[in-house]
Amino acid sequence: CTQRPRGLRGPARLPSPREPGSGRAPGAMPAAGERADVRPPRHAYAPVASEADAPPSAVHWRGRRVAAIAAISSASAIAAAGWRLGAAVARSSAETIPQLRRSGPSETLQLKDEEPTWVQGAKFPSHAPAMDIDMEYHFEGWGTNYDHIPDPEFCAAMCQGVAKCQGYTWVKDAGLDGCKSQCWLKGGVGKKVPKKGVVSGVPPARKPLPTPGPRLSKPGTSLYCFALMVPGGYEQGLLKWQHDHKAGIFGCEGFDVYSNSTINLANGVVAHKVNSTLQCGYGGDSQSALNSWIFIAVWYEVVKVGAYKKFDWVTKVDPDAVFFPDRLRSLLAPHAGAGGYLNNCKYGMHGPIEVFSTSAIEILAKDYASSWDGKAPVSCVKQLHFGQWGEDMFID
């Protein structure tokens, strides 16, 4: 009965030798009528909320040997129970089993609060309305989801950008590779159901787009902007809207649209025809469009049209990229007169917005002229192995 259970620091035992008031020699049994203070080991992991909830500190001796044995057995059972809980804590993940901490001289062990799913505004200022932490929105109707969304603020911003999204639920751990989080956009709030590990909310207010002001470019910051459009799809509608609102590339001092057919996009805007089907495969390390040859044909047409020569900078913009020319001009002002291009990502230039000085495009034009038919930049095509590259990596 007094053998120490495995994993515990102290034995389940009778009082230590010569404890005050006992008068007994080490290991001696108490005399009839004497009280034996049988305590559980001091380090048995028994999670209690307060000192009042601790196990009884003593079991009274009833004067019979059988009662003493029962008391010792109770102490062993308490110690064994503590050992089982301690082992469970060691085996379990810290995310699912609350950790234990000591509380004061008595070494009563208490539960440590679990890490919250999310604390709105703790990491950075929040732009979203108050979120429902550990609450899921059950909505029957429209919805869609996106993987690898790192936090609820990002999810709320995505909901704000979709007109029919009226609520969202962010899942902290959806079991995905890499970034494990997931964002669900929903057409409404529906029923609120408590669920650990998720964050729900409604999108921030959708502000109206202001009317673009006059083009106030500083010396050395004038822009020639162009976009490549796939005809008959959503890109054509996007560019028509941008033209009507003087937004995107139509906020630049000079602009053009290119496509594989001559299309009247708006009054005075006719797409320049590119000799390409605008079709390509996907691959590379990120399974992106392998569209280098498409844009070799596009840049050939840009060079042939030659409208860029009147301006300081040349900007290629995807039709579905959100582009503010006035913001770009402020970034370019310190680089007026410089040659080169802007690297917009630490991993290399990425294609939605590409910005080059006019002098850089002049160098590209000379490389085109050096080829036997003038339709490809000869040194780039011969010296680079770009079969698995997208156009942004090729031009970079």
Foldseek 3Di string as FASTA:
>chain_A
DFQADPPDDDTQDWDAAPDPPQPDGPPDDGAFPDFIQGAADLPQQDADDDPVPDDDRGDGDHRDPVSVVVRSVVSVVSSVVSVVVVVVVVPDDCQPAFDWDADDDSRRIHGDDHDFLDDACPVHDAQFPDKDGQKAFDDPDDKDKDPLQQDVSSLLVVLLVDVQFFKKKKACACPDPDRRIMIMTDNHRHDIDGHHRMMMDGHHDRDDDDQDDADDFDAQQAEEEEEEDEPPDVLLVLVLVCCVRCFDNSVGPHYAYAYQDWDCSDVPHTHHHFPDPQDAAFDDPVRHGLCQVVVLRVLLVCVVVPPRVVHFKYKYAYSPDHDGSVVVSVVCVVVRPHFFWDFPDPVGRDDRITMGTPVNSVVQQVLLVPDPVSSGRVVLVVPDDRSNHHNRVSVD
